[in-house]
Amino acid sequence: MRITHEADYAIRVTYCLALTGGKQCAKDISELTGVTLRFALKILRKLTQSGITKSYKGVAGGYELNRSPSEISLGEIIECIDGPIAINHCLANEFQCTHVGSQNECDFHRVFSEINRSLRGQLFAITMDRFLPAKLLQNK
């Protein structure tokens, strides 16, 4: 499994908003993260639709986190962008197993499913506050 560039950038955008701790315009987010403005806007739209960020329209508009960094996980950000985390295509519901008649009978499916659950659990256990400097966390 490889996290897409878009999901990686979404993590950076979320981190940027967590670090600044308030509303930022898309242009500033783009400059601070090194993500092009056009791509940052696409990512921010997805983050807002999923409830990770909220947006403000108008001249004084911008984006900010919708929740505390301690309530936003890497797994949530990745799935917001890339969809459900799956280390193998056989974990998708629409996949037809070619090894046996049913996914439930396949040893490979069971092993991949167990690994996937573990990986997903770990990604959802890591929240954005983990990456913030200690002095910033003390001020919150």
C-alpha atoms as a PDB file:
ATOM      1  CA  MET A   1       0.000   0.000   0.000  1.00  0.00           C
ATOM      2  CA  ARG A   2       1.257   3.426  -0.859  1.00  0.00           C
ATOM      3  CA  ILE A   3      -0.296   6.668   0.324  1.00  0.00           C
ATOM      4  CA  THR A   4      -0.973   8.909  -2.675  1.00  0.00           C
ATOM      5  CA  HIS A   5       0.677  12.301  -3.100  1.00  0.00           C
ATOM      6  CA  GLU A   6      -2.720  13.879  -2.597  1.00  0.00           C
ATOM      7  CA  ALA A   7      -3.180  12.179   0.796  1.00  0.00           C
ATOM      8  CA  ASP A   8       0.378  13.141   1.787  1.00  0.00           C
ATOM      9  CA  TYR A   9      -0.364  16.763   0.871  1.00  0.00           C
ATOM     10  CA  ALA A  10      -3.666  16.601   2.774  1.00  0.00           C
ATOM     11  CA  ILE A  11      -1.707  15.586   5.877  1.00  0.00           C
ATOM     12  CA  ARG A  12       0.616  18.565   5.306  1.00  0.00           C
ATOM     13  CA  VAL A  13      -2.328  20.931   4.844  1.00  0.00           C
ATOM     14  CA  THR A  14      -3.973  19.634   8.028  1.00  0.00           C
ATOM     15  CA  TYR A  15      -0.681  19.964   9.909  1.00  0.00           C
ATOM     16  CA  CYS A  16      -0.285  23.529   8.651  1.00  0.00           C
ATOM     17  CA  LEU A  17      -3.730  24.435   9.974  1.00  0.00           C
ATOM     18  CA  ALA A  18      -3.008  22.689  13.284  1.00  0.00           C
ATOM     19  CA  LEU A  19       0.304  24.519  13.610  1.00  0.00           C
ATOM     20  CA  THR A  20      -1.125  27.967  12.896  1.00  0.00           C
ATOM     21  CA  GLY A  21      -4.115  27.272  15.137  1.00  0.00           C
ATOM     22  CA  GLY A  22      -6.544  29.514  13.317  1.00  0.00           C
ATOM     23  CA  LYS A  23      -7.985  30.590  10.024  1.00  0.00           C
ATOM     24  CA  GLN A  24      -5.642  30.684   7.034  1.00  0.00           C
ATOM     25  CA  CYS A  25      -6.303  31.679   3.436  1.00  0.00           C
ATOM     26  CA  ALA A  26      -5.697  29.072   0.754  1.00  0.00           C
ATOM     27  CA  LYS A  27      -2.811  31.074  -0.702  1.00  0.00           C
ATOM     28  CA  ASP A  28      -0.950  31.064   2.610  1.00  0.00           C
ATOM     29  CA  ILE A  29      -1.640  27.349   3.101  1.00  0.00           C
ATOM     30  CA  SER A  30      -0.292  26.696  -0.377  1.00  0.00           C
ATOM     31  CA  GLU A  31       2.881  28.668   0.295  1.00  0.00           C
ATOM     32  CA  LEU A  32       3.468  27.156   3.743  1.00  0.00           C
ATOM     33  CA  THR A  33       3.002  23.570   2.539  1.00  0.00           C
ATOM     34  CA  GLY A  34       4.612  23.777  -0.892  1.00  0.00           C
ATOM     35  CA  VAL A  35       1.405  22.533  -2.524  1.00  0.00           C
ATOM     36  CA  THR A  36       0.210  24.424  -5.578  1.00  0.00           C
ATOM     37  CA  LEU A  37      -2.776  26.671  -4.911  1.00  0.00           C
ATOM     38  CA  ARG A  38      -4.990  24.755  -7.319  1.00  0.00           C
ATOM     39  CA  PHE A  39      -4.161  21.405  -5.698  1.00  0.00           C
ATOM     40  CA  ALA A  40      -4.449  22.866  -2.180  1.00  0.00           C
ATOM     41  CA  LEU A  41      -7.962  24.100  -3.007  1.00  0.00           C
ATOM     42  CA  LYS A  42      -8.940  20.634  -4.279  1.00  0.00           C
ATOM     43  CA  ILE A  43      -7.616  19.054  -1.074  1.00  0.00           C
ATOM     44  CA  LEU A  44      -9.258  21.677   1.144  1.00  0.00           C
ATOM     45  CA  ARG A  45     -12.590  21.024  -0.573  1.00  0.00           C
ATOM     46  CA  LYS A  46     -12.342  17.305   0.285  1.00  0.00           C
ATOM     47  CA  LEU A  47     -11.188  18.024   3.851  1.00  0.00           C
ATOM     48  CA  THR A  48     -14.126  20.401   4.319  1.00  0.00           C
ATOM     49  CA  GLN A  49     -16.647  17.949   2.847  1.00  0.00           C
ATOM     50  CA  SER A  50     -15.447  15.296   5.294  1.00  0.00           C
ATOM     51  CA  GLY A  51     -15.666  17.641   8.301  1.00  0.00           C
ATOM     52  CA  ILE A  52     -11.942  17.857   9.013  1.00  0.00           C
ATOM     53  CA  THR A  53     -11.794  21.548   8.110  1.00  0.00           C
ATOM     54  CA  LYS A  54     -14.340  24.303   7.782  1.00  0.00           C
ATOM     55  CA  SER A  55     -14.294  27.075   5.242  1.00  0.00           C
ATOM     56  CA  TYR A  56     -15.231  30.737   5.336  1.00  0.00           C
ATOM     57  CA  LYS A  57     -16.222  32.618   2.212  1.00  0.00           C
ATOM     58  CA  GLY A  58     -15.536  36.192   1.274  1.00  0.00           C
ATOM     59  CA  VAL A  59     -12.660  38.649   1.548  1.00  0.00           C
ATOM     60  CA  ALA A  60     -11.825  37.574   5.096  1.00  0.00           C
ATOM     61  CA  GLY A  61     -12.424  33.927   4.234  1.00  0.00           C
ATOM     62  CA  GLY A  62     -10.153  30.981   4.675  1.00  0.00           C
ATOM     63  CA  TYR A  63      -9.917  27.589   6.291  1.00  0.00           C
ATOM     64  CA  GLU A  64      -9.407  26.240   9.773  1.00  0.00           C
ATOM     65  CA  LEU A  65      -9.628  22.889  11.499  1.00  0.00           C
ATOM     66  CA  ASN A  66     -13.150  21.905  12.414  1.00  0.00           C
ATOM     67  CA  ARG A  67     -11.930  19.944  15.446  1.00  0.00           C
ATOM     68  CA  SER A  68      -8.956  19.835  17.754  1.00  0.00           C
ATOM     69  CA  PRO A  69      -5.780  18.264  16.280  1.00  0.00           C
ATOM     70  CA  SER A  70      -6.118  15.575  18.976  1.00  0.00           C
ATOM     71  CA  GLU A  71      -9.402  14.512  17.336  1.00  0.00           C
ATOM     72  CA  ILE A  72      -8.062  14.235  13.767  1.00  0.00           C
ATOM     73  CA  SER A  73      -6.150  11.094  12.816  1.00  0.00           C
ATOM     74  CA  LEU A  74      -3.845  10.248   9.960  1.00  0.00           C
ATOM     75  CA  GLY A  75      -6.233   7.446   9.005  1.00  0.00           C
ATOM     76  CA  GLU A  76      -9.163   9.832   8.755  1.00  0.00           C
ATOM     77  CA  ILE A  77      -7.208  12.208   6.499  1.00  0.00           C
ATOM     78  CA  ILE A  78      -5.937   9.402   4.272  1.00  0.00           C
ATOM     79  CA  GLU A  79      -9.397   7.843   3.879  1.00  0.00           C
ATOM     80  CA  CYS A  80     -10.918  11.263   3.194  1.00  0.00           C
ATOM     81  CA  ILE A  81      -8.650  11.559   0.158  1.00  0.00           C
ATOM     82  CA  ASP A  82      -7.906   7.994  -0.973  1.00  0.00           C
ATOM     83  CA  GLY A  83     -10.998   6.151   0.224  1.00  0.00           C
ATOM     84  CA  PRO A  84     -10.932   3.082   2.454  1.00  0.00           C
ATOM     85  CA  ILE A  85      -7.464   1.810   3.319  1.00  0.00           C
ATOM     86  CA  ALA A  86      -6.859  -1.558   1.664  1.00  0.00           C
ATOM     87  CA  ILE A  87      -3.453  -3.181   1.315  1.00  0.00           C
ATOM     88  CA  ASN A  88      -4.701  -5.585  -1.359  1.00  0.00           C
ATOM     89  CA  HIS A  89      -7.398  -5.448  -4.020  1.00  0.00           C
ATOM     90  CA  CYS A  90      -8.945  -8.647  -2.648  1.00  0.00           C
ATOM     91  CA  LEU A  91     -10.216  -6.653   0.351  1.00  0.00           C
ATOM     92  CA  ALA A  92     -12.652  -4.723  -1.833  1.00  0.00           C
ATOM     93  CA  ASN A  93     -16.244  -5.965  -1.657  1.00  0.00           C
ATOM     94  CA  GLU A  94     -16.618  -6.174  -5.422  1.00  0.00           C
ATOM     95  CA  PHE A  95     -13.519  -8.390  -5.823  1.00  0.00           C
ATOM     96  CA  GLN A  96     -14.152 -11.952  -6.991  1.00  0.00           C
ATOM     97  CA  CYS A  97     -11.565 -14.307  -5.484  1.00  0.00           C
ATOM     98  CA  THR A  98      -9.817 -16.426  -8.122  1.00  0.00           C
ATOM     99  CA  HIS A  99      -8.201 -18.782  -5.589  1.00  0.00           C
ATOM    100  CA  VAL A 100     -11.355 -20.239  -4.038  1.00  0.00           C
ATOM    101  CA  GLY A 101     -15.094 -19.856  -4.355  1.00  0.00           C
ATOM    102  CA  SER A 102     -15.424 -17.255  -1.621  1.00  0.00           C
ATOM    103  CA  GLN A 103     -13.223 -14.622   0.031  1.00  0.00           C
ATOM    104  CA  ASN A 104     -14.175 -16.133   3.411  1.00  0.00           C
ATOM    105  CA  GLU A 105     -12.532 -19.424   2.410  1.00  0.00           C
ATOM    106  CA  CYS A 106      -9.270 -17.838   1.205  1.00  0.00           C
ATOM    107  CA  ASP A 107      -6.268 -17.917   3.551  1.00  0.00           C
ATOM    108  CA  PHE A 108      -4.663 -14.992   1.699  1.00  0.00           C
ATOM    109  CA  HIS A 109      -7.773 -12.891   2.205  1.00  0.00           C
ATOM    110  CA  ARG A 110      -7.820 -13.665   5.930  1.00  0.00           C
ATOM    111  CA  VAL A 111      -4.148 -12.734   6.363  1.00  0.00           C
ATOM    112  CA  PHE A 112      -4.426  -9.542   4.302  1.00  0.00           C
ATOM    113  CA  SER A 113      -7.569  -8.597   6.198  1.00  0.00           C
ATOM    114  CA  GLU A 114      -5.804  -9.037   9.559  1.00  0.00           C
ATOM    115  CA  ILE A 115      -2.820  -6.948   8.432  1.00  0.00           C
ATOM    116  CA  ASN A 116      -5.145  -4.307   7.029  1.00  0.00           C
ATOM    117  CA  ARG A 117      -7.087  -4.055  10.315  1.00  0.00           C
ATOM    118  CA  SER A 118      -3.822  -3.610  12.219  1.00  0.00           C
ATOM    119  CA  LEU A 119      -2.479  -0.956   9.839  1.00  0.00           C
ATOM    120  CA  ARG A 120      -5.771   0.911   9.789  1.00  0.00           C
ATOM    121  CA  GLY A 121      -5.951   0.811  13.587  1.00  0.00           C
ATOM    122  CA  GLN A 122      -2.459   2.248  13.864  1.00  0.00           C
ATOM    123  CA  LEU A 123      -3.176   5.060  11.386  1.00  0.00           C
ATOM    124  CA  PHE A 124      -6.374   5.976  13.219  1.00  0.00           C
ATOM    125  CA  ALA A 125      -4.536   5.952  16.567  1.00  0.00           C
ATOM    126  CA  ILE A 126      -2.059   8.628  15.445  1.00  0.00           C
ATOM    127  CA  THR A 127      -3.575  12.081  15.796  1.00  0.00           C
ATOM    128  CA  MET A 128      -2.284  15.382  14.461  1.00  0.00           C
ATOM    129  CA  ASP A 129      -1.391  16.742  17.899  1.00  0.00           C
ATOM    130  CA  ARG A 130       1.454  14.210  17.954  1.00  0.00           C
ATOM    131  CA  PHE A 131       3.318  16.327  15.391  1.00  0.00           C
ATOM    132  CA  LEU A 132       2.851  19.688  17.077  1.00  0.00           C
ATOM    133  CA  PRO A 133       5.732  21.230  19.023  1.00  0.00           C
ATOM    134  CA  ALA A 134       5.431  20.711  22.811  1.00  0.00           C
ATOM    135  CA  LYS A 135       5.370  24.456  23.512  1.00  0.00           C
ATOM    136  CA  LEU A 136       2.389  24.872  21.199  1.00  0.00           C
ATOM    137  CA  LEU A 137       0.512  22.093  22.993  1.00  0.00           C
ATOM    138  CA  GLN A 138       1.156  23.740  26.363  1.00  0.00           C
ATOM    139  CA  ASN A 139      -0.462  26.976  25.175  1.00  0.00           C
ATOM    140  CA  LYS A 140      -3.681  25.243  24.078  1.00  0.00           C
END
